[in-house]
Protein backbone atom coordinates (compact mmCIF):
# COMPACT_ATOMS: atom_id res chain seq x y z
CA MET A 1 -6.09 -51.81 -11.83
CA SER A 2 -7.46 -48.30 -11.81
CA LYS A 3 -5.00 -45.19 -12.11
CA PRO A 4 -4.48 -43.15 -9.14
CA LYS A 5 -6.39 -39.91 -9.09
CA LYS A 6 -4.22 -36.92 -9.79
CA LYS A 7 -4.29 -34.35 -7.30
CA SER A 8 -6.00 -31.22 -8.26
CA LYS A 9 -3.89 -28.01 -8.89
CA GLN A 10 -4.79 -25.38 -5.81
CA LYS A 11 -6.16 -22.29 -7.45
CA ALA A 12 -3.50 -19.29 -6.97
CA TRP A 13 -3.51 -16.91 -4.55
CA LYS A 14 -3.32 -13.42 -6.16
CA VAL A 15 -1.67 -10.58 -4.23
CA TYR A 16 -1.52 -6.96 -5.41
CA VAL A 17 1.35 -4.85 -4.09
CA SER A 18 1.16 -1.05 -4.94
CA GLY A 19 3.48 1.79 -3.77
CA PHE A 20 3.10 5.55 -4.85
CA LEU A 21 5.60 7.84 -6.84
CA ASP A 22 6.35 11.61 -6.18
CA TRP A 23 3.99 14.46 -5.95
CA PRO A 24 4.46 18.16 -5.91
CA ARG A 25 5.20 19.32 -2.40
CA GLU A 26 5.46 22.87 -2.99
CA ASP A 27 2.97 25.18 -5.13
CA ASN A 28 5.64 26.14 -7.37
CA GLU A 29 6.24 22.57 -8.43
CA VAL A 30 2.68 21.62 -9.54
CA ALA A 31 3.12 23.26 -13.20
CA GLY A 32 4.62 20.48 -15.38
CA PHE A 33 5.34 17.98 -12.65
CA ASP A 34 5.99 14.44 -14.33
CA LYS A 35 3.79 12.17 -12.54
CA TRP A 36 5.63 9.17 -13.33
CA LYS A 37 8.75 10.54 -11.45
CA CYS A 38 9.99 8.59 -8.39
CA GLU A 39 13.21 9.94 -6.45
CA LEU A 40 11.88 10.74 -2.94
CA ASN A 41 8.74 8.45 -2.23
CA PRO A 42 10.28 5.33 -0.75
CA SER A 43 6.97 3.56 -1.00
CA GLY A 44 7.51 3.45 -4.75
CA ARG A 45 11.27 3.05 -4.74
CA LEU A 46 10.56 -0.27 -2.53
CA LEU A 47 9.37 -1.72 -5.75
CA ILE A 48 11.16 0.24 -8.60
CA GLY A 49 14.66 0.12 -7.02
CA ALA A 50 16.55 3.11 -8.27
CA LYS A 51 15.25 6.44 -8.59
CA TRP A 52 13.25 6.83 -11.60
CA PRO A 53 13.34 10.22 -13.75
CA GLY A 54 9.84 10.10 -14.97
CA LYS A 55 8.18 10.14 -18.33
CA THR A 56 6.95 6.54 -18.45
CA GLU A 57 5.78 4.21 -16.10
CA PRO A 58 8.28 2.34 -14.21
CA ASP A 59 8.89 -1.27 -13.68
CA ALA A 60 7.62 -1.95 -10.45
CA THR A 61 9.27 -5.62 -10.06
CA LYS A 62 12.93 -4.78 -9.55
CA GLY A 63 13.08 -2.86 -6.30
CA PRO A 64 14.33 -4.51 -2.94
CA LEU A 65 10.62 -5.34 -1.66
CA ALA A 66 9.47 -6.71 -4.85
CA LYS A 67 12.33 -8.89 -5.35
CA LYS A 68 12.15 -10.44 -1.78
CA LEU A 69 8.19 -10.93 -2.05
CA LYS A 70 8.70 -12.95 -5.07
CA THR A 71 10.74 -15.64 -3.12
CA ILE A 72 7.32 -16.12 -1.04
CA ARG A 73 6.10 -18.91 -3.54
CA LYS A 74 3.49 -20.32 -1.58
CA THR A 75 0.72 -19.63 1.16
CA SER A 76 0.83 -21.52 4.45
CA ASP A 77 -1.92 -23.87 3.15
CA GLY A 78 0.19 -24.83 0.03
CA ARG A 79 -1.39 -22.26 -2.56
CA PRO A 80 0.81 -20.88 -5.05
CA ILE A 81 1.05 -17.07 -4.83
CA GLU A 82 0.95 -14.84 -8.12
CA TRP A 83 2.25 -11.50 -7.23
CA THR A 84 1.39 -8.13 -9.19
CA PHE A 85 3.25 -5.33 -8.53
CA LYS A 86 2.48 -1.57 -9.31
CA ALA A 87 3.76 2.06 -8.79
CA LEU A 88 0.91 4.39 -8.48
CA PRO A 89 0.73 7.95 -9.79
CA VAL A 90 -0.40 10.37 -6.90
CA VAL A 91 -3.47 11.37 -8.50
CA TRP A 92 -7.10 11.76 -7.04
CA GLY A 93 -9.18 8.62 -7.70
CA ILE A 94 -6.15 6.47 -8.49
CA GLY A 95 -8.01 3.72 -6.21
CA ARG A 96 -10.88 3.45 -8.87
CA GLN A 97 -8.30 2.23 -11.21
CA ILE A 98 -7.25 -0.77 -9.06
CA PRO A 99 -8.82 -4.00 -10.26
CA ALA A 100 -9.24 -4.96 -6.63
CA ARG A 101 -11.90 -7.95 -7.18
CA SER A 102 -9.44 -9.60 -9.42
CA TYR A 103 -7.39 -10.26 -6.26
CA ASP A 104 -7.36 -12.19 -3.16
CA VAL A 105 -5.24 -9.64 -1.14
CA VAL A 106 -4.43 -6.05 -1.86
CA ILE A 107 -1.59 -4.43 -0.14
CA ASN A 108 -1.00 -0.42 -0.70
CA LEU A 109 2.11 1.25 0.43
CA GLY A 110 2.47 4.97 0.88
CA LEU A 111 4.65 7.42 2.54
CA GLY A 112 3.02 8.83 5.83
CA VAL A 113 5.44 8.40 8.72
CA TYR A 114 7.22 11.96 9.39
CA GLY A 115 9.48 13.36 11.94
CA LYS A 116 12.43 13.08 14.21
CA GLY A 117 12.46 9.79 16.17
CA LYS A 118 10.33 7.97 13.73
CA GLU A 119 12.56 6.89 10.92
CA THR A 120 11.76 3.41 11.77
CA THR A 121 8.20 3.55 12.47
CA ILE A 122 5.96 1.98 10.06
CA PHE A 123 1.77 2.33 10.39
CA LEU A 124 -0.42 -0.42 9.75
CA GLU A 125 -3.71 1.35 8.94
CA ASN A 126 -6.86 0.34 10.60
CA GLY A 127 -9.67 1.79 9.03
CA ALA A 128 -10.20 4.62 6.58
CA ARG A 129 -12.12 8.14 6.99
CA ASN A 130 -14.70 9.23 4.55
CA GLN A 131 -13.12 12.42 3.51
CA ARG A 132 -10.42 13.54 0.83
CA GLY A 133 -9.03 17.12 0.23
CA GLY A 134 -5.72 18.97 0.42
CA GLY A 135 -3.08 20.09 -1.65
CA ALA A 136 -2.75 19.39 -5.50
CA ASP A 137 -2.11 15.90 -7.03
CA ALA A 138 0.69 14.84 -9.37
CA VAL A 139 -1.30 16.38 -12.33
CA GLY A 140 -2.49 19.68 -10.39
CA ARG A 141 -5.97 18.66 -9.56
CA THR A 142 -6.86 19.43 -6.06
CA ALA A 143 -9.91 17.72 -3.94
CA GLY A 144 -12.27 18.95 -1.09
CA ARG A 145 -13.70 22.44 -1.80
CA HIS A 146 -11.52 23.85 -4.34
CA GLY A 147 -8.65 22.50 -2.29
CA GLY A 148 -10.37 23.63 1.01
CA PRO A 149 -11.65 21.46 3.91
CA PRO A 150 -12.10 18.01 2.98
CA THR A 151 -15.47 16.61 1.62
CA ARG A 152 -16.80 13.15 1.87
CA ILE A 153 -15.38 10.65 -0.56
CA GLU A 154 -18.77 8.79 -0.24
CA GLN A 155 -21.82 10.84 0.18
CA GLY A 156 -24.44 9.49 2.79
CA ALA A 157 -22.27 7.09 4.23
CA GLY A 158 -20.56 7.47 8.15
CA LEU A 159 -17.40 9.36 8.57
CA THR A 160 -15.21 6.22 9.47
CA LEU A 161 -15.01 3.10 7.34
CA ALA A 162 -13.82 -0.25 9.45
CA THR A 163 -11.49 -2.71 8.44
CA SER A 164 -13.30 -6.38 8.62
CA ALA A 165 -12.84 -8.21 11.83
CA GLY A 166 -10.45 -10.83 10.33
CA SER A 167 -8.25 -8.29 8.79
CA SER A 168 -8.15 -6.10 12.06
CA ALA A 169 -7.04 -9.17 14.12
CA LYS A 170 -4.19 -9.67 11.66
CA ILE A 171 -3.06 -5.98 11.75
CA THR A 172 -3.14 -6.22 15.58
CA ALA A 173 -1.06 -9.62 15.36
CA ALA A 174 1.52 -7.76 12.92
CA ALA A 175 2.20 -4.86 15.22
CA GLY A 176 5.14 -4.66 17.30
CA GLU A 177 9.10 -4.89 17.01
CA LEU A 178 11.61 -6.40 14.21
CA ASN A 179 15.29 -6.19 14.43
CA VAL A 180 16.83 -5.72 10.83
CA SER A 181 20.68 -5.65 10.97
CA GLY A 182 20.94 -3.85 13.78
CA THR A 183 17.99 -1.71 13.00
CA ARG A 184 14.84 -1.76 15.35
CA PHE A 185 11.58 -1.16 13.28
CA LYS A 186 8.18 -0.60 15.07
CA PHE A 187 5.18 -1.71 13.49
CA VAL A 188 1.92 0.51 14.91
CA ARG A 189 -1.65 -0.33 14.43
CA LYS A 190 -3.40 2.87 13.58
CA ASN A 191 -7.03 3.71 13.45
CA ALA A 192 -8.54 5.98 11.07
CA ARG A 193 -7.94 9.56 11.97
CA SER A 194 -9.30 13.19 10.98
CA LYS A 195 -5.99 14.42 9.86
CA ASN A 196 -5.64 11.55 7.20
CA HIS A 197 -7.63 12.76 4.10
CA TYR A 198 -5.10 12.84 1.30
CA ILE A 199 -4.80 10.24 -1.62
CA CYS A 200 -3.32 7.55 0.51
CA ASN A 201 -6.55 7.68 2.79
CA GLU A 202 -8.92 7.86 -0.13
CA THR A 203 -7.15 4.76 -1.68
CA ARG A 204 -7.49 2.99 1.52
CA TYR A 205 -11.37 3.81 1.69
CA LEU A 206 -11.97 2.83 -1.91
CA MET A 207 -10.13 -0.71 -1.31
CA LEU A 208 -12.12 -1.38 1.81
CA LYS A 209 -15.08 -0.57 -0.30
CA GLN A 210 -14.20 -3.51 -2.61
CA VAL A 211 -14.02 -6.06 0.08
CA ARG A 212 -16.98 -8.51 0.21
CA PRO A 213 -17.03 -11.84 2.07
CA ASN A 214 -18.64 -13.63 -0.95
CA LYS A 215 -16.33 -12.09 -3.56
CA ARG A 216 -12.67 -12.78 -4.37
CA LEU A 217 -11.17 -9.94 -2.42
CA HIS A 218 -11.37 -10.92 1.29
CA GLN A 219 -8.48 -8.79 2.74
CA THR A 220 -6.96 -5.33 2.03
CA PHE A 221 -4.39 -3.48 3.86
CA PHE A 222 -2.72 -0.09 3.99
CA ILE A 223 0.72 0.48 5.19
CA HIS A 224 2.35 3.70 5.86
CA VAL A 225 6.28 3.67 5.55
CA PRO A 226 8.85 6.29 7.08
CA GLU A 227 10.89 8.44 5.08
CA ALA A 228 13.90 6.27 3.58
CA LYS A 229 16.32 8.13 1.48
CA THR A 230 19.59 5.91 0.94
CA ASN A 231 19.33 2.47 -0.73
CA ARG A 232 20.59 0.97 2.41
CA GLU A 233 17.62 2.64 4.10
CA ILE A 234 15.29 1.45 1.77
CA SER A 235 16.76 -2.15 1.46
CA ASN A 236 16.50 -2.33 5.54
CA LEU A 237 12.82 -1.10 5.29
CA ALA A 238 12.03 -3.80 2.68
CA SER A 239 13.74 -6.56 4.72
CA ALA A 240 11.37 -5.39 7.68
CA LEU A 241 8.19 -5.22 5.65
CA LYS A 242 8.68 -8.79 3.79
CA PRO A 243 7.80 -10.85 6.88
CA ARG A 244 4.87 -8.58 8.13
CA ILE A 245 3.44 -8.84 4.57
CA GLU A 246 3.81 -12.37 4.17
CA GLN A 247 2.03 -12.72 7.68
CA LEU A 248 -0.82 -10.40 6.61
CA ILE A 249 -1.58 -12.27 3.18
CA GLN A 250 -2.32 -15.33 4.29
CA PRO A 251 -5.64 -17.01 3.42
């Protein structure tokens, strides 16, 4: 009697999730700024947890969002999920250091929703602008023409880089409202726009350039979160993001 064939193990579905650390918001903060500090940026604290004083790279697996995502162990078709979490310094070109093609999905988080009345608004970025420029990064470097008008990330390419049709459809499906502990979060699909040319947009552009239909990386997403200052606000934000990210990362 022949032995029953063992079921072949499914290949792990590798997902990379990053948030950003702090950056100098005023000119007088640039000199001596610690690129590893994270006290104000909720996209980093979602993965780190408590405020991080700097000097060394923080552990990005202890924050509320990282903990919630780690409970998602399989994709909808049964593949085991292998999560990687990173807190990235806000420096020009950081996207080039992300080994994107070693993953099936890349999710980048950044702070990018400001203003009164937008405390619970989350942007799902659809596409990116081929431009970089703005103030100094966390190590004092500027981009563009000596910190002036933005310049192209990729010379000779168009001004806008589109998201793939499949990922764009996922972004559209993920848009909408979600109630978390009495707080109503609004997920908004946002197309590439001329005012976006800081490091979040540059990272988004560089990730989109890594996507290849015949390579491992098929999907990449960028989520801009609002300002969240208290532990409760960050925890609620994590609860809102978890189901949307679970939706986006599916094969």
